[in-house]
Amino acid sequence: MYDKNQAHYVTATVILVKDGKFLICRRAEWEKAFPGKWTVPGGKLEVLDYALREKDTGSHWYNVLEDLAKREVSEEVGLKIKNIEYVTSLIYIRSDKIPSLIVSLWAEPVGENISLCNALTDYK
């Protein structure tokens, strides 16, 4: 049975670190959450991020957050990543009252050619 008290969005964010520098990106002004604010790449987990893959065991998919991090960094800033590690987690209650579990990761970018998606307007 579905229990809304247990339902959350799951989001992964990725702090990209290279040569002691961090990549930050500015969100577009039209974004619902934190418009115009500086952030790191990331996004929500979707069922299709794992459901179309073969299971790693009879019942489970492994490395779902790591794969989400790779997809989001690729989509948002056009980079591949390696050496993904856990930083922390937090809960954020969105303006539409949906709780979001945010898992913060860090990784090293592969390459240097940044290509922003349309939801991001600048980077440093």
PDB file of N, CA and C in Angstrom:
ATOM      1  N   MET A   1       0.839  -1.181   0.000  1.00  0.00           N
ATOM      2  CA  MET A   1       0.000   0.000   0.000  1.00  0.00           C
ATOM      3  C   MET A   1       0.887   1.248   0.000  1.00  0.00           C
ATOM      4  N   TYR A   2       0.516   2.207  -0.789  1.00  0.00           N
ATOM      5  CA  TYR A   2       1.267   3.464  -0.882  1.00  0.00           C
ATOM      6  C   TYR A   2       1.056   4.278   0.392  1.00  0.00           C
ATOM      7  N   ASP A   3       2.148   4.749   0.972  1.00  0.00           N
ATOM      8  CA  ASP A   3       2.093   5.569   2.183  1.00  0.00           C
ATOM      9  C   ASP A   3       2.787   6.884   1.891  1.00  0.00           C
ATOM     10  N   LYS A   4       2.039   7.977   1.801  1.00  0.00           N
ATOM     11  CA  LYS A   4       2.638   9.268   1.455  1.00  0.00           C
ATOM     12  C   LYS A   4       3.645   9.747   2.504  1.00  0.00           C
ATOM     13  N   ASN A   5       3.565   9.216   3.714  1.00  0.00           N
ATOM     14  CA  ASN A   5       4.533   9.587   4.745  1.00  0.00           C
ATOM     15  C   ASN A   5       5.898   8.954   4.521  1.00  0.00           C
ATOM     16  N   GLN A   6       5.966   7.995   3.607  1.00  0.00           N
ATOM     17  CA  GLN A   6       7.240   7.371   3.269  1.00  0.00           C
ATOM     18  C   GLN A   6       7.724   7.762   1.878  1.00  0.00           C
ATOM     19  N   ALA A   7       6.953   8.548   1.163  1.00  0.00           N
ATOM     20  CA  ALA A   7       7.287   8.922  -0.217  1.00  0.00           C
ATOM     21  C   ALA A   7       8.167  10.169  -0.238  1.00  0.00           C
ATOM     22  N   HIS A   8       9.248  10.096  -0.993  1.00  0.00           N
ATOM     23  CA  HIS A   8      10.185  11.206  -1.158  1.00  0.00           C
ATOM     24  C   HIS A   8      10.703  11.217  -2.591  1.00  0.00           C
ATOM     25  N   TYR A   9      11.039  12.382  -3.093  1.00  0.00           N
ATOM     26  CA  TYR A   9      11.905  12.421  -4.264  1.00  0.00           C
ATOM     27  C   TYR A   9      13.297  12.061  -3.768  1.00  0.00           C
ATOM     28  N   VAL A  10      14.083  11.432  -4.611  1.00  0.00           N
ATOM     29  CA  VAL A  10      15.484  11.146  -4.304  1.00  0.00           C
ATOM     30  C   VAL A  10      16.313  11.883  -5.345  1.00  0.00           C
ATOM     31  N   THR A  11      17.232  12.704  -4.863  1.00  0.00           N
ATOM     32  CA  THR A  11      18.063  13.526  -5.738  1.00  0.00           C
ATOM     33  C   THR A  11      19.527  13.278  -5.410  1.00  0.00           C
ATOM     34  N   ALA A  12      20.353  13.257  -6.445  1.00  0.00           N
ATOM     35  CA  ALA A  12      21.797  13.197  -6.247  1.00  0.00           C
ATOM     36  C   ALA A  12      22.396  14.493  -6.775  1.00  0.00           C
ATOM     37  N   THR A  13      23.282  15.087  -5.988  1.00  0.00           N
ATOM     38  CA  THR A  13      24.047  16.248  -6.450  1.00  0.00           C
ATOM     39  C   THR A  13      25.519  15.857  -6.439  1.00  0.00           C
ATOM     40  N   VAL A  14      26.299  16.507  -7.318  1.00  0.00           N
ATOM     41  CA  VAL A  14      27.693  16.111  -7.473  1.00  0.00           C
ATOM     42  C   VAL A  14      28.608  17.326  -7.401  1.00  0.00           C
ATOM     43  N   ILE A  15      29.496  17.308  -6.434  1.00  0.00           N
ATOM     44  CA  ILE A  15      30.528  18.332  -6.313  1.00  0.00           C
ATOM     45  C   ILE A  15      31.699  17.863  -7.163  1.00  0.00           C
ATOM     46  N   LEU A  16      31.968  18.576  -8.249  1.00  0.00           N
ATOM     47  CA  LEU A  16      33.068  18.204  -9.135  1.00  0.00           C
ATOM     48  C   LEU A  16      34.333  18.920  -8.686  1.00  0.00           C
ATOM     49  N   VAL A  17      35.386  18.147  -8.464  1.00  0.00           N
ATOM     50  CA  VAL A  17      36.641  18.689  -7.931  1.00  0.00           C
ATOM     51  C   VAL A  17      37.779  18.317  -8.878  1.00  0.00           C
ATOM     52  N   LYS A  18      38.526  19.343  -9.311  1.00  0.00           N
ATOM     53  CA  LYS A  18      39.709  19.101 -10.145  1.00  0.00           C
ATOM     54  C   LYS A  18      40.763  20.135  -9.788  1.00  0.00           C
ATOM     55  N   ASP A  19      41.969  19.662  -9.488  1.00  0.00           N
ATOM     56  CA  ASP A  19      43.096  20.541  -9.154  1.00  0.00           C
ATOM     57  C   ASP A  19      42.745  21.520  -8.035  1.00  0.00           C
ATOM     58  N   GLY A  20      41.985  21.046  -7.045  1.00  0.00           N
ATOM     59  CA  GLY A  20      41.618  21.883  -5.913  1.00  0.00           C
ATOM     60  C   GLY A  20      40.534  22.906  -6.208  1.00  0.00           C
ATOM     61  N   LYS A  21      39.916  22.840  -7.377  1.00  0.00           N
ATOM     62  CA  LYS A  21      38.846  23.773  -7.752  1.00  0.00           C
ATOM     63  C   LYS A  21      37.532  23.024  -7.857  1.00  0.00           C
ATOM     64  N   PHE A  22      36.440  23.750  -7.590  1.00  0.00           N
ATOM     65  CA  PHE A  22      35.099  23.187  -7.605  1.00  0.00           C
ATOM     66  C   PHE A  22      34.278  23.827  -8.715  1.00  0.00           C
ATOM     67  N   LEU A  23      33.460  23.035  -9.409  1.00  0.00           N
ATOM     68  CA  LEU A  23      32.578  23.571 -10.447  1.00  0.00           C
ATOM     69  C   LEU A  23      31.237  23.940  -9.819  1.00  0.00           C
ATOM     70  N   ILE A  24      30.824  25.191 -10.006  1.00  0.00           N
ATOM     71  CA  ILE A  24      29.486  25.616  -9.599  1.00  0.00           C
ATOM     72  C   ILE A  24      28.778  26.178 -10.824  1.00  0.00           C
ATOM     73  N   CYS A  25      27.460  26.077 -10.818  1.00  0.00           N
ATOM     74  CA  CYS A  25      26.646  26.504 -11.953  1.00  0.00           C
ATOM     75  C   CYS A  25      25.483  27.351 -11.453  1.00  0.00           C
ATOM     76  N   ARG A  26      25.076  28.319 -12.276  1.00  0.00           N
ATOM     77  CA  ARG A  26      23.934  29.173 -11.913  1.00  0.00           C
ATOM     78  C   ARG A  26      22.662  28.623 -12.564  1.00  0.00           C
ATOM     79  N   ARG A  27      21.630  28.451 -11.739  1.00  0.00           N
ATOM     80  CA  ARG A  27      20.332  27.978 -12.232  1.00  0.00           C
ATOM     81  C   ARG A  27      19.619  29.089 -13.007  1.00  0.00           C
ATOM     82  N   ALA A  28      18.878  28.715 -14.015  1.00  0.00           N
ATOM     83  CA  ALA A  28      18.109  29.677 -14.799  1.00  0.00           C
ATOM     84  C   ALA A  28      17.066  30.356 -13.907  1.00  0.00           C
ATOM     85  N   GLU A  29      16.697  31.572 -14.269  1.00  0.00           N
ATOM     86  CA  GLU A  29      15.703  32.334 -13.491  1.00  0.00           C
ATOM     87  C   GLU A  29      14.318  31.692 -13.524  1.00  0.00           C
ATOM     88  N   TRP A  30      14.024  30.905 -14.545  1.00  0.00           N
ATOM     89  CA  TRP A  30      12.700  30.287 -14.648  1.00  0.00           C
ATOM     90  C   TRP A  30      12.584  28.991 -13.849  1.00  0.00           C
ATOM     91  N   GLU A  31      13.663  28.515 -13.248  1.00  0.00           N
ATOM     92  CA  GLU A  31      13.609  27.290 -12.454  1.00  0.00           C
ATOM     93  C   GLU A  31      12.708  27.500 -11.226  1.00  0.00           C
ATOM     94  N   LYS A  32      11.901  26.484 -10.876  1.00  0.00           N
ATOM     95  CA  LYS A  32      10.996  26.577  -9.726  1.00  0.00           C
ATOM     96  C   LYS A  32      11.770  26.659  -8.408  1.00  0.00           C
ATOM     97  N   ALA A  33      12.744  25.791  -8.249  1.00  0.00           N
ATOM     98  CA  ALA A  33      13.519  25.752  -7.001  1.00  0.00           C
ATOM     99  C   ALA A  33      14.806  26.549  -7.172  1.00  0.00           C
ATOM    100  N   PHE A  34      15.015  27.495  -6.314  1.00  0.00           N
ATOM    101  CA  PHE A  34      16.251  28.284  -6.257  1.00  0.00           C
ATOM    102  C   PHE A  34      16.620  28.959  -7.582  1.00  0.00           C
ATOM    103  N   PRO A  35      15.687  29.685  -8.188  1.00  0.00           N
ATOM    104  CA  PRO A  35      16.000  30.348  -9.460  1.00  0.00           C
ATOM    105  C   PRO A  35      17.154  31.338  -9.310  1.00  0.00           C
ATOM    106  N   GLY A  36      18.078  31.306 -10.285  1.00  0.00           N
ATOM    107  CA  GLY A  36      19.202  32.232 -10.306  1.00  0.00           C
ATOM    108  C   GLY A  36      20.287  31.947  -9.285  1.00  0.00           C
ATOM    109  N   LYS A  37      20.143  30.912  -8.486  1.00  0.00           N
ATOM    110  CA  LYS A  37      21.120  30.590  -7.445  1.00  0.00           C
ATOM    111  C   LYS A  37      22.231  29.691  -7.995  1.00  0.00           C
ATOM    112  N   TRP A  38      23.390  29.771  -7.338  1.00  0.00           N
ATOM    113  CA  TRP A  38      24.520  28.916  -7.693  1.00  0.00           C
ATOM    114  C   TRP A  38      24.331  27.555  -7.057  1.00  0.00           C
ATOM    115  N   THR A  39      24.733  26.493  -7.785  1.00  0.00           N
ATOM    116  CA  THR A  39      24.530  25.125  -7.327  1.00  0.00           C
ATOM    117  C   THR A  39      25.592  24.217  -7.938  1.00  0.00           C
ATOM    118  N   VAL A  40      25.453  22.942  -7.712  1.00  0.00           N
ATOM    119  CA  VAL A  40      26.269  21.930  -8.374  1.00  0.00           C
ATOM    120  C   VAL A  40      25.327  21.062  -9.214  1.00  0.00           C
ATOM    121  N   PRO A  41      25.854  20.357 -10.208  1.00  0.00           N
ATOM    122  CA  PRO A  41      24.981  19.517 -11.041  1.00  0.00           C
ATOM    123  C   PRO A  41      24.275  18.449 -10.209  1.00  0.00           C
ATOM    124  N   GLY A  42      23.083  18.070 -10.651  1.00  0.00           N
ATOM    125  CA  GLY A  42      22.346  17.013  -9.975  1.00  0.00           C
ATOM    126  C   GLY A  42      20.917  16.943 -10.447  1.00  0.00           C
ATOM    127  N   GLY A  43      20.199  15.930  -9.989  1.00  0.00           N
ATOM    128  CA  GLY A  43      18.807  15.791 -10.381  1.00  0.00           C
ATOM    129  C   GLY A  43      18.145  14.608  -9.715  1.00  0.00           C
ATOM    130  N   LYS A  44      16.850  14.455  -9.999  1.00  0.00           N
ATOM    131  CA  LYS A  44      16.014  13.452  -9.354  1.00  0.00           C
ATOM    132  C   LYS A  44      16.160  12.063  -9.985  1.00  0.00           C
ATOM    133  N   LEU A  45      16.065  11.056  -9.134  1.00  0.00           N
ATOM    134  CA  LEU A  45      16.037   9.670  -9.564  1.00  0.00           C
ATOM    135  C   LEU A  45      14.667   9.375 -10.156  1.00  0.00           C
ATOM    136  N   GLU A  46      14.672   8.698 -11.296  1.00  0.00           N
ATOM    137  CA  GLU A  46      13.430   8.284 -11.948  1.00  0.00           C
ATOM    138  C   GLU A  46      13.420   6.760 -12.026  1.00  0.00           C
ATOM    139  N   VAL A  47      12.252   6.179 -12.038  1.00  0.00           N
ATOM    140  CA  VAL A  47      12.134   4.721 -12.098  1.00  0.00           C
ATOM    141  C   VAL A  47      12.880   4.176 -13.318  1.00  0.00           C
ATOM    142  N   LEU A  48      12.820   4.875 -14.438  1.00  0.00           N
ATOM    143  CA  LEU A  48      13.490   4.384 -15.642  1.00  0.00           C
ATOM    144  C   LEU A  48      15.011   4.434 -15.540  1.00  0.00           C
ATOM    145  N   ASP A  49      15.554   5.105 -14.521  1.00  0.00           N
ATOM    146  CA  ASP A  49      17.000   5.103 -14.313  1.00  0.00           C
ATOM    147  C   ASP A  49      17.507   3.704 -13.953  1.00  0.00           C
ATOM    148  N   TYR A  50      16.621   2.822 -13.496  1.00  0.00           N
ATOM    149  CA  TYR A  50      17.037   1.459 -13.154  1.00  0.00           C
ATOM    150  C   TYR A  50      16.121   0.382 -13.718  1.00  0.00           C
ATOM    151  N   ALA A  51      14.836   0.658 -13.867  1.00  0.00           N
ATOM    152  CA  ALA A  51      13.860  -0.384 -14.203  1.00  0.00           C
ATOM    153  C   ALA A  51      14.109  -1.049 -15.558  1.00  0.00           C
ATOM    154  N   LEU A  52      14.718  -0.353 -16.489  1.00  0.00           N
ATOM    155  CA  LEU A  52      14.980  -0.946 -17.801  1.00  0.00           C
ATOM    156  C   LEU A  52      16.311  -1.697 -17.851  1.00  0.00           C
ATOM    157  N   ARG A  53      17.095  -1.590 -16.775  1.00  0.00           N
ATOM    158  CA  ARG A  53      18.372  -2.293 -16.684  1.00  0.00           C
ATOM    159  C   ARG A  53      18.162  -3.706 -16.158  1.00  0.00           C
ATOM    160  N   GLU A  54      19.088  -4.578 -16.473  1.00  0.00           N
ATOM    161  CA  GLU A  54      19.078  -5.900 -15.875  1.00  0.00           C
ATOM    162  C   GLU A  54      19.445  -5.767 -14.399  1.00  0.00           C
ATOM    163  N   LYS A  55      18.782  -6.511 -13.543  1.00  0.00           N
ATOM    164  CA  LYS A  55      19.084  -6.473 -12.114  1.00  0.00           C
ATOM    165  C   LYS A  55      20.458  -7.083 -11.856  1.00  0.00           C
ATOM    166  N   ASP A  56      21.133  -6.579 -10.834  1.00  0.00           N
ATOM    167  CA  ASP A  56      22.450  -7.093 -10.461  1.00  0.00           C
ATOM    168  C   ASP A  56      22.349  -8.366  -9.624  1.00  0.00           C
ATOM    169  N   THR A  57      21.215  -8.556  -8.972  1.00  0.00           N
ATOM    170  CA  THR A  57      20.908  -9.810  -8.295  1.00  0.00           C
ATOM    171  C   THR A  57      19.510 -10.182  -8.757  1.00  0.00           C
ATOM    172  N   GLY A  58      18.936 -11.206  -8.189  1.00  0.00           N
ATOM    173  CA  GLY A  58      17.577 -11.582  -8.567  1.00  0.00           C
ATOM    174  C   GLY A  58      16.543 -10.518  -8.245  1.00  0.00           C
ATOM    175  N   SER A  59      16.865  -9.633  -7.289  1.00  0.00           N
ATOM    176  CA  SER A  59      15.884  -8.657  -6.815  1.00  0.00           C
ATOM    177  C   SER A  59      16.376  -7.216  -6.768  1.00  0.00           C
ATOM    178  N   HIS A  60      17.664  -6.952  -7.048  1.00  0.00           N
ATOM    179  CA  HIS A  60      18.232  -5.629  -6.753  1.00  0.00           C
ATOM    180  C   HIS A  60      19.019  -5.029  -7.913  1.00  0.00           C
ATOM    181  N   TRP A  61      19.052  -3.700  -7.922  1.00  0.00           N
ATOM    182  CA  TRP A  61      19.939  -2.935  -8.796  1.00  0.00           C
ATOM    183  C   TRP A  61      20.973  -2.259  -7.898  1.00  0.00           C
ATOM    184  N   TYR A  62      22.235  -2.349  -8.248  1.00  0.00           N
ATOM    185  CA  TYR A  62      23.301  -1.690  -7.496  1.00  0.00           C
ATOM    186  C   TYR A  62      23.743  -0.404  -8.185  1.00  0.00           C
ATOM    187  N   ASN A  63      24.381   0.468  -7.405  1.00  0.00           N
ATOM    188  CA  ASN A  63      25.007   1.706  -7.916  1.00  0.00           C
ATOM    189  C   ASN A  63      24.023   2.645  -8.615  1.00  0.00           C
ATOM    190  N   VAL A  64      22.794   2.666  -8.135  1.00  0.00           N
ATOM    191  CA  VAL A  64      21.762   3.504  -8.744  1.00  0.00           C
ATOM    192  C   VAL A  64      22.096   4.990  -8.591  1.00  0.00           C
ATOM    193  N   LEU A  65      22.546   5.414  -7.412  1.00  0.00           N
ATOM    194  CA  LEU A  65      22.886   6.832  -7.216  1.00  0.00           C
ATOM    195  C   LEU A  65      24.113   7.223  -8.026  1.00  0.00           C
ATOM    196  N   GLU A  66      25.082   6.341  -8.119  1.00  0.00           N
ATOM    197  CA  GLU A  66      26.277   6.625  -8.911  1.00  0.00           C
ATOM    198  C   GLU A  66      25.921   6.792 -10.389  1.00  0.00           C
ATOM    199  N   ASP A  67      25.044   5.915 -10.887  1.00  0.00           N
ATOM    200  CA  ASP A  67      24.605   6.023 -12.277  1.00  0.00           C
ATOM    201  C   ASP A  67      23.785   7.296 -12.500  1.00  0.00           C
ATOM    202  N   LEU A  68      22.949   7.651 -11.517  1.00  0.00           N
ATOM    203  CA  LEU A  68      22.197   8.905 -11.593  1.00  0.00           C
ATOM    204  C   LEU A  68      23.152  10.092 -11.656  1.00  0.00           C
ATOM    205  N   ALA A  69      24.184  10.077 -10.817  1.00  0.00           N
ATOM    206  CA  ALA A  69      25.171  11.166 -10.813  1.00  0.00           C
ATOM    207  C   ALA A  69      25.840  11.284 -12.178  1.00  0.00           C
ATOM    208  N   LYS A  70      26.226  10.172 -12.761  1.00  0.00           N
ATOM    209  CA  LYS A  70      26.858  10.191 -14.092  1.00  0.00           C
ATOM    210  C   LYS A  70      25.921  10.787 -15.134  1.00  0.00           C
ATOM    211  N   ARG A  71      24.652  10.366 -15.105  1.00  0.00           N
ATOM    212  CA  ARG A  71      23.680  10.871 -16.082  1.00  0.00           C
ATOM    213  C   ARG A  71      23.457  12.366 -15.925  1.00  0.00           C
ATOM    214  N   GLU A  72      23.244  12.814 -14.694  1.00  0.00           N
ATOM    215  CA  GLU A  72      22.953  14.219 -14.459  1.00  0.00           C
ATOM    216  C   GLU A  72      24.132  15.125 -14.820  1.00  0.00           C
ATOM    217  N   VAL A  73      25.349  14.730 -14.442  1.00  0.00           N
ATOM    218  CA  VAL A  73      26.519  15.542 -14.785  1.00  0.00           C
ATOM    219  C   VAL A  73      26.680  15.607 -16.297  1.00  0.00           C
ATOM    220  N   SER A  74      26.482  14.502 -16.972  1.00  0.00           N
ATOM    221  CA  SER A  74      26.577  14.488 -18.432  1.00  0.00           C
ATOM    222  C   SER A  74      25.524  15.399 -19.062  1.00  0.00           C
ATOM    223  N   GLU A  75      24.277  15.277 -18.605  1.00  0.00           N
ATOM    224  CA  GLU A  75      23.190  16.096 -19.164  1.00  0.00           C
ATOM    225  C   GLU A  75      23.367  17.580 -18.852  1.00  0.00           C
ATOM    226  N   GLU A  76      23.779  17.909 -17.639  1.00  0.00           N
ATOM    227  CA  GLU A  76      23.796  19.312 -17.208  1.00  0.00           C
ATOM    228  C   GLU A  76      25.056  20.067 -17.602  1.00  0.00           C
ATOM    229  N   VAL A  77      26.212  19.407 -17.575  1.00  0.00           N
ATOM    230  CA  VAL A  77      27.458  20.128 -17.891  1.00  0.00           C
ATOM    231  C   VAL A  77      28.316  19.434 -18.943  1.00  0.00           C
ATOM    232  N   GLY A  78      27.839  18.321 -19.497  1.00  0.00           N
ATOM    233  CA  GLY A  78      28.521  17.667 -20.605  1.00  0.00           C
ATOM    234  C   GLY A  78      29.811  16.966 -20.255  1.00  0.00           C
ATOM    235  N   LEU A  79      29.988  16.562 -19.001  1.00  0.00           N
ATOM    236  CA  LEU A  79      31.223  15.904 -18.580  1.00  0.00           C
ATOM    237  C   LEU A  79      30.954  14.479 -18.111  1.00  0.00           C
ATOM    238  N   LYS A  80      31.940  13.627 -18.283  1.00  0.00           N
ATOM    239  CA  LYS A  80      31.936  12.315 -17.654  1.00  0.00           C
ATOM    240  C   LYS A  80      32.626  12.475 -16.298  1.00  0.00           C
ATOM    241  N   ILE A  81      32.358  11.544 -15.375  1.00  0.00           N
ATOM    242  CA  ILE A  81      32.968  11.633 -14.042  1.00  0.00           C
ATOM    243  C   ILE A  81      33.559  10.289 -13.630  1.00  0.00           C
ATOM    244  N   LYS A  82      34.487  10.355 -12.660  1.00  0.00           N
ATOM    245  CA  LYS A  82      35.103   9.141 -12.112  1.00  0.00           C
ATOM    246  C   LYS A  82      35.335   9.335 -10.617  1.00  0.00           C
ATOM    247  N   ASN A  83      35.659   8.244  -9.935  1.00  0.00           N
ATOM    248  CA  ASN A  83      35.974   8.264  -8.505  1.00  0.00           C
ATOM    249  C   ASN A  83      34.868   8.927  -7.676  1.00  0.00           C
ATOM    250  N   ILE A  84      33.662   8.452  -7.826  1.00  0.00           N
ATOM    251  CA  ILE A  84      32.496   9.001  -7.123  1.00  0.00           C
ATOM    252  C   ILE A  84      32.527   8.570  -5.661  1.00  0.00           C
ATOM    253  N   GLU A  85      32.341   9.530  -4.761  1.00  0.00           N
ATOM    254  CA  GLU A  85      32.346   9.265  -3.320  1.00  0.00           C
ATOM    255  C   GLU A  85      31.179   9.982  -2.649  1.00  0.00           C
ATOM    256  N   TYR A  86      30.768   9.469  -1.503  1.00  0.00           N
ATOM    257  CA  TYR A  86      29.684  10.041  -0.700  1.00  0.00           C
ATOM    258  C   TYR A  86      30.202  11.226   0.120  1.00  0.00           C
ATOM    259  N   VAL A  87      29.386  12.299   0.218  1.00  0.00           N
ATOM    260  CA  VAL A  87      29.716  13.455   1.066  1.00  0.00           C
ATOM    261  C   VAL A  87      28.748  13.524   2.249  1.00  0.00           C
ATOM    262  N   THR A  88      27.464  13.705   1.972  1.00  0.00           N
ATOM    263  CA  THR A  88      26.459  13.825   3.031  1.00  0.00           C
ATOM    264  C   THR A  88      25.072  13.654   2.427  1.00  0.00           C
ATOM    265  N   SER A  89      24.054  13.731   3.269  1.00  0.00           N
ATOM    266  CA  SER A  89      22.670  13.695   2.803  1.00  0.00           C
ATOM    267  C   SER A  89      21.859  14.709   3.593  1.00  0.00           C
ATOM    268  N   LEU A  90      20.756  15.139   3.000  1.00  0.00           N
ATOM    269  CA  LEU A  90      19.874  16.081   3.688  1.00  0.00           C
ATOM    270  C   LEU A  90      18.467  15.938   3.142  1.00  0.00           C
ATOM    271  N   ILE A  91      17.512  16.453   3.890  1.00  0.00           N
ATOM    272  CA  ILE A  91      16.118  16.495   3.448  1.00  0.00           C
ATOM    273  C   ILE A  91      15.735  17.942   3.236  1.00  0.00           C
ATOM    274  N   TYR A  92      15.048  18.193   2.143  1.00  0.00           N
ATOM    275  CA  TYR A  92      14.551  19.519   1.786  1.00  0.00           C
ATOM    276  C   TYR A  92      13.066  19.368   1.492  1.00  0.00           C
ATOM    277  N   ILE A  93      12.222  20.197   2.106  1.00  0.00           N
ATOM    278  CA  ILE A  93      10.786  20.191   1.805  1.00  0.00           C
ATOM    279  C   ILE A  93      10.541  21.250   0.732  1.00  0.00           C
ATOM    280  N   ARG A  94      10.127  20.788  -0.427  1.00  0.00           N
ATOM    281  CA  ARG A  94       9.904  21.685  -1.569  1.00  0.00           C
ATOM    282  C   ARG A  94       8.690  22.578  -1.321  1.00  0.00           C
ATOM    283  N   SER A  95       8.557  23.616  -2.134  1.00  0.00           N
ATOM    284  CA  SER A  95       7.426  24.537  -1.989  1.00  0.00           C
ATOM    285  C   SER A  95       6.089  23.841  -2.226  1.00  0.00           C
ATOM    286  N   ASP A  96       6.091  22.724  -2.984  1.00  0.00           N
ATOM    287  CA  ASP A  96       4.859  21.959  -3.206  1.00  0.00           C
ATOM    288  C   ASP A  96       4.657  20.877  -2.136  1.00  0.00           C
ATOM    289  N   LYS A  97       5.435  20.988  -1.035  1.00  0.00           N
ATOM    290  CA  LYS A  97       5.322  20.126   0.147  1.00  0.00           C
ATOM    291  C   LYS A  97       5.825  18.697  -0.068  1.00  0.00           C
ATOM    292  N   ILE A  98       6.525  18.429  -1.156  1.00  0.00           N
ATOM    293  CA  ILE A  98       7.091  17.108  -1.385  1.00  0.00           C
ATOM    294  C   ILE A  98       8.477  17.059  -0.754  1.00  0.00           C
ATOM    295  N   PRO A  99       8.708  16.118   0.165  1.00  0.00           N
ATOM    296  CA  PRO A  99      10.047  16.005   0.744  1.00  0.00           C
ATOM    297  C   PRO A  99      11.016  15.405  -0.272  1.00  0.00           C
ATOM    298  N   SER A 100      12.219  15.936  -0.288  1.00  0.00           N
ATOM    299  CA  SER A 100      13.241  15.471  -1.221  1.00  0.00           C
ATOM    300  C   SER A 100      14.490  15.080  -0.440  1.00  0.00           C
ATOM    301  N   LEU A 101      14.897  13.824  -0.584  1.00  0.00           N
ATOM    302  CA  LEU A 101      16.139  13.346   0.000  1.00  0.00           C
ATOM    303  C   LEU A 101      17.246  13.660  -1.000  1.00  0.00           C
ATOM    304  N   ILE A 102      18.208  14.465  -0.577  1.00  0.00           N
ATOM    305  CA  ILE A 102      19.316  14.856  -1.444  1.00  0.00           C
ATOM    306  C   ILE A 102      20.577  14.167  -0.944  1.00  0.00           C
ATOM    307  N   VAL A 103      21.175  13.358  -1.799  1.00  0.00           N
ATOM    308  CA  VAL A 103      22.434  12.680  -1.494  1.00  0.00           C
ATOM    309  C   VAL A 103      23.524  13.447  -2.233  1.00  0.00           C
ATOM    310  N   SER A 104      24.448  14.009  -1.464  1.00  0.00           N
ATOM    311  CA  SER A 104      25.526  14.809  -2.038  1.00  0.00           C
ATOM    312  C   SER A 104      26.762  13.936  -2.221  1.00  0.00           C
ATOM    313  N   LEU A 105      27.273  13.915  -3.444  1.00  0.00           N
ATOM    314  CA  LEU A 105      28.439  13.133  -3.806  1.00  0.00           C
ATOM    315  C   LEU A 105      29.534  14.061  -4.301  1.00  0.00           C
ATOM    316  N   TRP A 106      30.750  13.570  -4.404  1.00  0.00           N
ATOM    317  CA  TRP A 106      31.798  14.314  -5.083  1.00  0.00           C
ATOM    318  C   TRP A 106      32.454  13.363  -6.071  1.00  0.00           C
ATOM    319  N   ALA A 107      33.029  13.956  -7.128  1.00  0.00           N
ATOM    320  CA  ALA A 107      33.668  13.152  -8.160  1.00  0.00           C
ATOM    321  C   ALA A 107      34.687  14.003  -8.897  1.00  0.00           C
ATOM    322  N   GLU A 108      35.544  13.330  -9.637  1.00  0.00           N
ATOM    323  CA  GLU A 108      36.506  14.011 -10.487  1.00  0.00           C
ATOM    324  C   GLU A 108      35.949  14.047 -11.911  1.00  0.00           C
ATOM    325  N   PRO A 109      35.982  15.211 -12.560  1.00  0.00           N
ATOM    326  CA  PRO A 109      35.530  15.262 -13.949  1.00  0.00           C
ATOM    327  C   PRO A 109      36.564  14.625 -14.870  1.00  0.00           C
ATOM    328  N   VAL A 110      36.088  14.050 -15.949  1.00  0.00           N
ATOM    329  CA  VAL A 110      36.949  13.549 -17.012  1.00  0.00           C
ATOM    330  C   VAL A 110      36.802  14.535 -18.163  1.00  0.00           C
ATOM    331  N   GLY A 111      37.872  15.232 -18.487  1.00  0.00           N
ATOM    332  CA  GLY A 111      37.806  16.260 -19.522  1.00  0.00           C
ATOM    333  C   GLY A 111      37.573  17.633 -18.926  1.00  0.00           C
ATOM    334  N   GLU A 112      37.561  18.613 -19.805  1.00  0.00           N
ATOM    335  CA  GLU A 112      37.425  20.003 -19.352  1.00  0.00           C
ATOM    336  C   GLU A 112      36.402  20.804 -20.140  1.00  0.00           C
ATOM    337  N   ASN A 113      35.829  20.243 -21.196  1.00  0.00           N
ATOM    338  CA  ASN A 113      34.910  20.983 -22.058  1.00  0.00           C
ATOM    339  C   ASN A 113      33.505  20.971 -21.469  1.00  0.00           C
ATOM    340  N   ILE A 114      33.139  22.073 -20.826  1.00  0.00           N
ATOM    341  CA  ILE A 114      31.842  22.189 -20.179  1.00  0.00           C
ATOM    342  C   ILE A 114      30.816  22.696 -21.182  1.00  0.00           C
ATOM    343  N   SER A 115      29.677  22.022 -21.227  1.00  0.00           N
ATOM    344  CA  SER A 115      28.575  22.388 -22.112  1.00  0.00           C
ATOM    345  C   SER A 115      27.302  22.397 -21.268  1.00  0.00           C
ATOM    346  N   LEU A 116      26.819  23.599 -20.928  1.00  0.00           N
ATOM    347  CA  LEU A 116      25.674  23.728 -20.032  1.00  0.00           C
ATOM    348  C   LEU A 116      24.355  23.405 -20.724  1.00  0.00           C
ATOM    349  N   CYS A 117      23.448  22.748 -19.990  1.00  0.00           N
ATOM    350  CA  CYS A 117      22.084  22.561 -20.467  1.00  0.00           C
ATOM    351  C   CYS A 117      21.327  23.879 -20.332  1.00  0.00           C
ATOM    352  N   ASN A 118      20.117  23.953 -20.858  1.00  0.00           N
ATOM    353  CA  ASN A 118      19.378  25.224 -20.839  1.00  0.00           C
ATOM    354  C   ASN A 118      18.869  25.618 -19.450  1.00  0.00           C
ATOM    355  N   ALA A 119      18.907  24.703 -18.475  1.00  0.00           N
ATOM    356  CA  ALA A 119      18.468  25.037 -17.111  1.00  0.00           C
ATOM    357  C   ALA A 119      19.577  25.728 -16.302  1.00  0.00           C
ATOM    358  N   LEU A 120      20.768  25.788 -16.894  1.00  0.00           N
ATOM    359  CA  LEU A 120      21.910  26.456 -16.257  1.00  0.00           C
ATOM    360  C   LEU A 120      22.389  27.579 -17.159  1.00  0.00           C
ATOM    361  N   THR A 121      22.763  28.713 -16.559  1.00  0.00           N
ATOM    362  CA  THR A 121      23.107  29.884 -17.371  1.00  0.00           C
ATOM    363  C   THR A 121      24.559  30.318 -17.298  1.00  0.00           C
ATOM    364  N   ASP A 122      25.315  29.814 -16.321  1.00  0.00           N
ATOM    365  CA  ASP A 122      26.700  30.245 -16.162  1.00  0.00           C
ATOM    366  C   ASP A 122      27.421  29.220 -15.302  1.00  0.00           C
ATOM    367  N   TYR A 123      28.742  29.252 -15.337  1.00  0.00           N
ATOM    368  CA  TYR A 123      29.512  28.378 -14.447  1.00  0.00           C
ATOM    369  C   TYR A 123      30.825  29.059 -14.069  1.00  0.00           C
ATOM    370  N   LYS A 124      31.383  28.623 -12.975  1.00  0.00           N
ATOM    371  CA  LYS A 124      32.683  29.097 -12.493  1.00  0.00           C
ATOM    372  C   LYS A 124      33.427  27.930 -11.875  1.00  0.00           C
TER     373      LYS A 124
END
